[in-house]
Protein backbone atom coordinates (compact mmCIF):
# COMPACT_ATOMS: atom_id res chain seq x y z
CA MET A 1 0.17 0.05 -0.03
CA THR A 2 1.54 3.38 -0.95
CA LEU A 3 1.95 6.11 1.37
CA ARG A 4 -0.43 8.08 -0.34
CA ARG A 5 -3.47 5.55 -0.10
CA ILE A 6 -2.44 5.10 3.59
CA SER A 7 -2.94 9.06 4.21
CA VAL A 8 -6.24 9.17 2.78
CA ILE A 9 -7.47 6.13 4.79
CA LEU A 10 -5.96 7.88 7.59
CA ALA A 11 -8.02 11.56 6.71
CA LEU A 12 -11.12 9.65 6.51
CA LEU A 13 -10.68 7.84 10.05
CA GLY A 14 -9.87 11.31 11.20
CA ILE A 15 -12.76 12.65 9.70
CA ALA A 16 -15.19 9.82 10.85
CA VAL A 17 -13.70 9.93 14.56
CA LEU A 18 -13.54 13.91 15.09
CA PRO A 19 -17.07 14.59 15.58
CA TRP A 20 -17.27 12.34 18.37
CA LEU A 21 -13.80 13.37 20.15
CA LEU A 22 -15.46 17.37 20.37
CA THR A 23 -18.85 16.20 21.08
CA THR A 24 -20.20 20.02 22.05
CA GLY A 25 -22.20 21.57 19.54
CA TYR A 26 -19.91 24.54 19.82
CA TRP A 27 -16.65 22.36 18.87
CA ARG A 28 -18.93 20.54 16.02
CA GLY A 29 -19.60 23.84 14.49
CA ILE A 30 -15.73 24.89 14.42
CA LEU A 31 -15.23 21.55 12.60
CA VAL A 32 -17.71 22.54 9.94
CA LEU A 33 -16.26 25.84 9.60
CA CYS A 34 -12.48 24.37 9.41
CA ALA A 35 -13.81 22.25 6.49
CA MET A 36 -15.26 25.36 4.83
CA ASN A 37 -11.75 27.02 5.57
CA VAL A 38 -9.78 24.12 3.98
CA LEU A 39 -11.98 24.30 0.55
CA LEU A 40 -11.21 28.06 0.70
CA ALA A 41 -7.55 27.77 1.41
CA LEU A 42 -7.14 24.98 -1.33
CA SER A 43 -9.11 27.38 -3.79
CA LEU A 44 -6.78 30.01 -3.40
CA ASN A 45 -3.42 27.97 -3.19
CA LEU A 46 -4.01 26.97 -7.05
CA VAL A 47 -4.40 30.28 -7.86
CA MET A 48 -1.92 31.90 -5.64
CA GLY A 49 0.64 29.05 -4.71
CA TYR A 50 0.66 27.00 -8.25
CA THR A 51 0.13 29.57 -10.63
CA GLY A 52 1.79 32.94 -8.91
CA GLN A 53 -1.20 35.06 -9.11
CA LEU A 54 -1.77 37.19 -6.26
CA ASN A 55 -5.71 37.15 -5.95
CA LEU A 56 -6.97 39.36 -3.10
CA GLY A 57 -10.55 39.10 -4.25
CA GLN A 58 -11.22 35.18 -3.37
CA SER A 59 -14.09 36.49 -0.76
CA ALA A 60 -16.15 37.44 -3.45
CA PHE A 61 -16.45 33.92 -5.16
CA PHE A 62 -16.91 32.63 -1.58
CA ALA A 63 -19.98 35.08 -1.64
CA ILE A 64 -21.22 34.56 -5.01
CA GLY A 65 -21.32 30.76 -3.93
CA ALA A 66 -23.43 31.51 -1.00
CA TYR A 67 -25.66 34.20 -2.35
CA VAL A 68 -26.63 32.50 -5.54
CA SER A 69 -27.50 28.86 -3.89
CA THR A 70 -29.53 30.69 -1.34
CA ILE A 71 -31.47 33.28 -3.51
CA LEU A 72 -32.33 30.20 -5.99
CA VAL A 73 -33.38 27.97 -2.86
CA LYS A 74 -35.18 30.86 -1.10
CA SER A 75 -36.65 32.94 -3.70
CA HIS A 76 -37.29 30.84 -6.53
CA GLY A 77 -37.87 27.29 -4.64
CA TRP A 78 -35.04 25.42 -5.95
CA ASN A 79 -33.94 22.33 -4.82
CA PHE A 80 -30.33 22.80 -2.75
CA TRP A 81 -28.39 20.69 -4.91
CA PRO A 82 -28.98 22.16 -8.29
CA ALA A 83 -29.22 25.28 -6.78
CA ALA A 84 -25.55 24.40 -5.51
CA LEU A 85 -24.55 23.36 -8.83
CA ALA A 86 -25.73 26.60 -10.56
CA ALA A 87 -24.03 28.78 -7.60
CA ILE A 88 -20.72 27.09 -8.50
CA LEU A 89 -21.09 27.45 -11.83
CA ALA A 90 -22.04 30.87 -11.78
CA SER A 91 -18.54 31.55 -9.59
CA GLY A 92 -16.46 29.69 -11.92
CA LEU A 93 -17.89 31.72 -14.87
CA VAL A 94 -17.68 35.20 -13.07
CA GLY A 95 -13.70 33.94 -12.09
CA LEU A 96 -12.93 33.27 -15.75
CA ALA A 97 -14.80 36.72 -16.78
CA LEU A 98 -12.43 38.51 -14.18
CA ALA A 99 -9.45 36.22 -15.46
CA ALA A 100 -10.15 37.95 -18.90
CA PHE A 101 -8.96 40.91 -17.54
CA ALA A 102 -6.75 40.14 -14.34
CA THR A 103 -4.40 37.60 -16.47
CA ARG A 104 -3.18 40.70 -18.37
CA LEU A 105 -1.75 42.10 -14.81
CA LYS A 106 0.99 40.88 -12.36
CA GLY A 107 2.00 41.21 -8.73
CA HIS A 108 0.83 44.15 -7.04
CA TYR A 109 -1.54 45.48 -10.03
CA LEU A 110 -3.21 42.17 -9.94
CA ALA A 111 -3.57 42.09 -6.33
CA ILE A 112 -5.43 45.96 -6.46
CA ALA A 113 -7.51 45.04 -9.17
CA SER A 114 -8.75 41.88 -7.52
CA LEU A 115 -9.12 43.69 -4.43
CA GLY A 116 -11.10 46.35 -6.21
CA PHE A 117 -13.56 43.34 -7.55
CA ALA A 118 -14.17 42.37 -4.05
CA VAL A 119 -15.03 45.79 -2.95
CA ILE A 120 -17.42 45.76 -5.78
CA THR A 121 -18.97 42.61 -5.06
CA TYR A 122 -19.41 43.43 -1.31
CA GLN A 123 -20.97 46.79 -2.18
CA VAL A 124 -23.74 44.96 -4.77
CA LEU A 125 -24.57 42.57 -2.11
CA ILE A 126 -25.22 45.81 0.37
CA ASN A 127 -27.07 47.78 -2.26
CA TRP A 128 -29.21 45.44 -4.41
CA GLU A 129 -31.50 45.05 -1.76
CA SER A 130 -34.41 43.79 -4.14
CA VAL A 131 -32.36 40.82 -4.79
CA THR A 132 -29.74 40.07 -1.68
CA GLU A 133 -31.92 41.81 1.07
CA GLY A 134 -28.91 44.16 1.61
CA VAL A 135 -27.76 44.68 5.37
CA ARG A 136 -30.92 43.31 6.46
CA GLY A 137 -29.86 39.69 5.10
CA VAL A 138 -31.52 36.72 4.57
CA TYR A 139 -32.69 34.72 7.74
CA GLY A 140 -34.09 31.33 8.35
CA ILE A 141 -31.74 29.47 5.94
CA LEU A 142 -31.50 25.47 6.43
CA PRO A 143 -28.75 23.25 6.04
CA PRO A 144 -28.96 20.48 3.18
CA VAL A 145 -28.69 17.85 6.03
CA PRO A 146 -30.37 17.33 9.44
CA ASN A 147 -27.69 18.11 11.69
CA THR A 148 -24.18 19.54 12.30
CA VAL A 149 -22.33 16.10 12.53
CA ALA A 150 -23.95 15.16 8.95
CA LEU A 151 -22.96 18.84 7.94
CA PHE A 152 -19.35 18.17 9.00
CA TYR A 153 -19.22 14.88 7.10
CA LEU A 154 -20.60 16.15 4.05
CA VAL A 155 -18.03 19.40 3.69
CA ALA A 156 -15.17 17.39 4.92
CA GLY A 157 -15.61 14.57 2.57
CA ILE A 158 -15.88 17.21 -0.10
CA ALA A 159 -13.03 18.79 0.78
CA LEU A 160 -11.13 15.52 0.95
CA ALA A 161 -12.47 14.73 -2.80
CA VAL A 162 -11.41 18.44 -3.95
CA TYR A 163 -8.18 17.89 -2.24
CA LEU A 164 -7.22 14.67 -3.87
CA LEU A 165 -8.71 16.27 -7.32
CA LEU A 166 -6.30 19.29 -7.13
CA ASP A 167 -3.38 16.90 -5.92
CA ASN A 168 -3.80 14.37 -9.19
CA LEU A 169 -3.99 17.89 -11.11
CA VAL A 170 -0.38 19.62 -10.14
CA ARG A 171 1.14 16.24 -10.36
CA SER A 172 0.18 15.93 -13.99
CA PRO A 173 1.37 17.92 -16.62
CA VAL A 174 -0.78 20.29 -16.06
CA GLY A 175 0.59 21.12 -12.60
CA ASP A 176 4.13 21.35 -14.39
CA THR A 177 2.60 23.88 -16.34
CA LEU A 178 1.24 25.78 -14.01
CA ARG A 179 4.61 25.80 -12.09
CA ALA A 180 6.48 27.05 -14.97
CA ILE A 181 4.49 29.65 -15.26
CA ARG A 182 4.73 30.63 -11.99
CA GLU A 183 8.67 30.54 -11.73
CA ASP A 184 9.24 32.32 -15.25
CA GLU A 185 6.35 33.24 -17.42
CA ILE A 186 8.56 34.47 -20.52
CA SER A 187 10.12 30.90 -20.45
CA ALA A 188 7.42 29.28 -20.06
CA ALA A 189 5.96 31.07 -23.34
CA SER A 190 9.25 30.15 -25.18
CA LEU A 191 8.35 26.61 -24.68
CA GLY A 192 4.94 26.79 -26.17
CA VAL A 193 2.74 27.49 -23.20
CA ASN A 194 -0.18 29.74 -23.52
CA ALA A 195 0.25 31.40 -20.14
CA ALA A 196 -3.09 33.48 -20.45
CA VAL A 197 -5.13 30.43 -20.96
CA TRP A 198 -3.70 28.68 -18.17
CA LYS A 199 -4.19 31.23 -15.67
CA ALA A 200 -7.75 31.76 -16.51
CA PHE A 201 -8.07 28.10 -16.03
CA ALA A 202 -6.59 28.06 -12.59
CA PHE A 203 -8.63 31.63 -11.74
CA GLY A 204 -11.87 29.92 -12.92
CA LEU A 205 -11.25 26.44 -11.08
CA GLY A 206 -10.32 28.57 -7.97
CA ALA A 207 -13.45 30.66 -8.21
CA ALA A 208 -15.54 27.59 -8.47
CA ILE A 209 -14.05 25.99 -5.57
CA ALA A 210 -14.65 28.95 -3.07
CA GLY A 211 -18.01 28.66 -4.84
CA LEU A 212 -18.46 25.44 -3.55
CA ALA A 213 -17.52 26.31 0.14
CA GLY A 214 -20.04 29.16 -0.19
CA VAL A 215 -22.97 27.21 -0.72
CA PHE A 216 -22.62 25.31 2.40
CA TYR A 217 -22.19 28.69 4.63
CA PRO A 218 -25.69 29.85 4.87
CA GLY A 219 -27.09 26.68 6.01
CA PHE A 220 -24.25 26.48 8.40
CA VAL A 221 -24.90 29.44 10.11
CA GLY A 222 -28.48 30.03 9.45
CA THR A 223 -28.37 33.54 7.96
CA LEU A 224 -26.56 35.32 5.30
CA VAL A 225 -25.39 39.11 5.32
CA PRO A 226 -22.91 41.14 3.33
CA ASP A 227 -20.46 41.53 6.37
CA ALA A 228 -19.79 37.71 6.23
CA PHE A 229 -17.84 38.47 3.08
CA GLY A 230 -15.84 41.42 3.71
CA ILE A 231 -12.03 42.02 2.41
CA ILE A 232 -10.80 40.62 5.51
CA GLU A 233 -11.92 37.21 4.41
CA SER A 234 -9.40 37.35 1.48
CA PHE A 235 -6.91 38.13 3.89
CA THR A 236 -7.65 35.25 6.31
CA MET A 237 -7.52 33.01 2.98
CA MET A 238 -4.30 34.36 2.15
CA ALA A 239 -3.01 33.79 5.82
CA MET A 240 -4.14 30.43 5.62
CA VAL A 241 -2.11 29.78 2.31
CA ILE A 242 1.26 31.36 3.74
CA VAL A 243 1.30 29.97 7.36
CA GLY A 244 0.71 26.26 5.72
CA GLY A 245 2.90 26.41 2.88
CA MET A 246 2.05 28.25 -0.47
CA GLY A 247 2.96 25.86 -3.58
CA THR A 248 2.08 22.78 -1.50
CA MET A 249 -0.91 20.82 -1.13
CA ILE A 250 -0.75 19.40 2.45
CA GLY A 251 0.46 23.25 3.56
CA PRO A 252 -2.99 24.98 3.16
CA VAL A 253 -4.88 22.21 4.87
CA ILE A 254 -2.57 22.56 7.68
CA GLY A 255 -2.80 26.58 7.71
CA ALA A 256 -6.88 26.31 7.82
CA VAL A 257 -6.73 23.92 10.39
CA VAL A 258 -4.16 26.39 12.68
CA LEU A 259 -5.88 29.35 11.66
CA THR A 260 -9.43 28.08 12.43
CA PHE A 261 -8.43 26.29 15.84
CA LEU A 262 -6.03 28.89 17.43
CA PRO A 263 -8.18 31.82 17.75
CA GLU A 264 -10.92 29.31 19.46
CA LEU A 265 -8.03 27.89 21.79
CA LEU A 266 -6.68 31.43 23.02
CA ARG A 267 -10.32 32.58 24.17
CA GLY A 268 -9.04 31.90 27.58
CA PHE A 269 -6.53 34.86 27.32
CA GLY A 270 -9.58 37.45 26.85
CA GLU A 271 -9.06 40.74 25.75
CA LEU A 272 -5.10 39.37 24.91
CA ARG A 273 -6.20 36.99 22.53
CA LEU A 274 -6.15 38.85 19.23
CA MET A 275 -2.67 40.28 20.22
CA ILE A 276 -1.28 36.65 20.78
CA TYR A 277 -2.97 35.57 17.61
CA GLY A 278 -1.34 38.67 15.56
CA LEU A 279 1.94 37.90 17.13
CA ALA A 280 1.93 33.92 16.63
CA LEU A 281 1.32 35.31 12.53
CA THR A 282 3.95 37.60 12.57
CA LEU A 283 6.59 34.88 14.23
CA VAL A 284 5.60 32.49 11.72
CA VAL A 285 5.95 34.67 8.67
CA LEU A 286 9.37 36.00 9.96
CA PHE A 287 11.05 33.08 11.03
CA MET A 288 9.01 30.61 8.61
CA PRO A 289 8.60 32.45 5.63
CA GLY A 290 8.15 29.10 3.86
CA GLY A 291 5.26 28.12 5.79
CA ILE A 292 4.79 25.46 8.31
CA VAL A 293 5.21 22.61 5.72
CA GLN A 294 8.44 24.11 4.55
CA ALA A 295 9.83 24.55 7.90
CA TYR A 296 9.41 20.68 8.87
CA THR A 297 10.89 19.59 5.65
CA SER A 298 14.09 21.90 6.52
CA LEU A 299 14.35 20.29 10.02
CA ARG A 300 14.01 16.56 8.73
CA ALA A 301 16.81 17.46 5.91
CA ARG A 302 19.03 19.04 8.72
CA ARG A 303 18.60 15.64 11.11
CA ARG A 304 19.39 13.51 8.17
CA PRO A 305 23.19 12.21 8.39
């Protein structure tokens, strides 16, 4: 049995056992949130870690997935699953549309453009009250499954499936192409790689995965308001990717788990919680610039004779 299969089995066992180790409703809710964050971190890592595009607008696709699915269910009477599929497709198509312009930009120019898109999306959610209900929000949203444990199994199972899909993708020639674009776009172009097409592919797929996370969020919290999709969410996703290890598959998963549970574990420190949390992030960036995964890899390399 290969190491990869063993890892998948261990992941499945972990998913199965966790809700019975954390038995309170509060911690089971944190597990659901963690699974959603894993999806969001994986979506951004494909764009930022493997293709080298500094995207600060990922929260917009998360919002599109949440709002499209909720509006179709609540206002038009759709079943959840067709609505979820339509929301994922809408997020991916908007991502492709944005990529048509964004792929011409690089570095901080792309960061500013994608940040602007996130701001525009947020303002649309607030001001298009006839559709989104604006700041009043949408209430009474039911999850697609009967309880929190079932929701965790559903979202975590989907997150594992997305992880395996992306892992196979980045191990394939497609992954080599994306990495070539990240390392040197001009050299990749000289080898016949159409950078704009592959950047758009990564952007669209990453947007669709963020939308996938979004379709489960309204049913989890029961309400839907624009403030849940502010700019800070994009920076939180980016922190997960960087802390875990950008450009690796397991890194964003580790980053999502750490940055989901760490604030909760620090609640006992009261007002000092955010200060300690910020200090911890700063220390990671300063002393582990490649993230937790690279730090672990370097430590193992040093211990080898």
